[in-house]
Structure formats: structure tokens, C-alpha cells
Protein backbone atom coordinates (compact mmCIF):
# COMPACT_ATOMS: atom_id res chain seq x y z
CA MET A 1 -0.16 -0.37 0.15
CA SER A 2 1.74 3.73 -0.92
CA ARG A 3 1.71 5.98 1.92
CA ILE A 4 1.26 9.74 2.13
CA VAL A 5 3.09 12.76 2.95
CA ALA A 6 2.48 15.48 4.15
CA LEU A 7 5.58 18.16 3.94
CA GLY A 8 5.76 21.28 4.28
CA GLU A 9 6.05 23.98 7.51
CA ALA A 10 5.35 21.80 10.77
CA GLU A 11 2.38 23.97 11.42
CA GLY A 12 1.20 23.46 8.06
CA VAL A 13 1.56 20.06 8.33
CA LYS A 14 1.14 18.62 11.42
CA ALA A 15 -2.33 18.54 12.08
CA PHE A 16 -1.72 15.39 9.16
CA ALA A 17 -0.26 13.40 11.12
CA MET A 18 -3.89 12.33 13.22
CA VAL A 19 -4.62 10.62 10.52
CA GLY A 20 -2.23 8.44 9.25
CA VAL A 21 -0.14 10.93 7.14
CA ASP A 22 3.56 10.98 7.61
CA VAL A 23 4.11 14.58 7.96
CA VAL A 24 8.19 15.87 7.52
CA ALA A 25 8.57 19.05 8.50
CA VAL A 26 10.95 21.45 7.02
CA SER A 27 12.04 25.26 6.43
CA ASP A 28 14.75 25.92 4.47
CA ALA A 29 15.29 25.06 0.60
CA ALA A 30 17.52 22.90 0.88
CA ALA A 31 16.31 20.04 3.47
CA LEU A 32 13.21 19.98 1.38
CA SER A 33 14.87 19.22 -1.92
CA ARG A 34 16.58 16.28 0.04
CA ILE A 35 13.73 15.41 1.54
CA TRP A 36 11.93 15.72 -2.04
CA ALA A 37 14.81 13.45 -4.07
CA GLY A 38 14.93 11.00 -0.79
CA LEU A 39 11.19 9.62 -2.20
CA ARG A 40 11.03 6.36 -1.23
CA ASP A 41 9.03 4.04 -3.97
CA ASP A 42 5.83 3.86 -1.52
CA VAL A 43 4.77 6.88 -1.58
CA GLY A 44 1.61 7.65 -4.11
CA LEU A 45 1.08 10.81 -2.54
CA VAL A 46 2.49 14.05 -2.06
CA ILE A 47 0.83 17.01 0.13
CA LEU A 48 2.82 20.16 0.17
CA THR A 49 1.94 22.94 1.98
CA ARG A 50 2.36 26.38 -0.71
CA SER A 51 5.40 27.14 -0.08
CA ALA A 52 7.35 24.17 0.01
CA ALA A 53 5.65 24.10 -4.16
CA GLN A 54 7.85 27.51 -4.52
CA MET A 55 10.75 26.17 -3.30
CA LEU A 56 9.95 23.04 -5.70
CA GLY A 57 9.57 24.84 -8.17
CA GLY A 58 10.15 23.47 -11.56
CA SER A 59 11.56 20.12 -9.93
CA LEU A 60 7.54 19.87 -8.85
CA HIS A 61 7.04 18.47 -12.80
CA GLU A 62 9.65 15.99 -13.08
CA ALA A 63 9.85 12.61 -14.03
CA GLY A 64 9.96 10.07 -12.03
CA HIS A 65 8.31 11.58 -8.63
CA PRO A 66 5.52 11.35 -6.89
CA LEU A 67 1.69 12.53 -7.08
CA TRP A 68 1.89 15.73 -5.59
CA ALA A 69 -0.61 18.42 -4.52
CA VAL A 70 -0.49 21.59 -2.78
CA MET A 71 -3.26 23.04 0.21
CA PRO A 72 -3.96 25.80 -0.72
């Protein structure tokens, strides 16, 4: 079964842990890029905060990454 990961600032993602989502709190672009590049094959969906999506920029659209969604 695929995992869901919430990725971004702690305040924006911590509540997802209550419903079984794996939460990864990051606040700087370098750490975010490392985590994004290192996501394993068992991750089926990544929920991103708006600022995390902006920091990742074009790398979101590179082949080989899981499905992702940006929080409104």
C-alpha cells in the first residue's frame, strides 16, 4: 500500500499526522530538496504547503516523482 506524506512547514502539516499521514516538517529549501529527491517508491501522494511547492519549483514536474497536491 502506498503512503501519503505531508511536506512543508510544521504549522502547515502537523495536523495531518492525526489521520495517519507521514509528516515531514522542513523550513529551508536545501532540506526540502533533499527530502523530495529521496522519497521512496512506496510514497503515492505528497501533500505540499504552498511555500514548499514554491521552493521546489520546476523539480515538481520532473519525471519519477509521486503524485503531489498543494494545499490551498
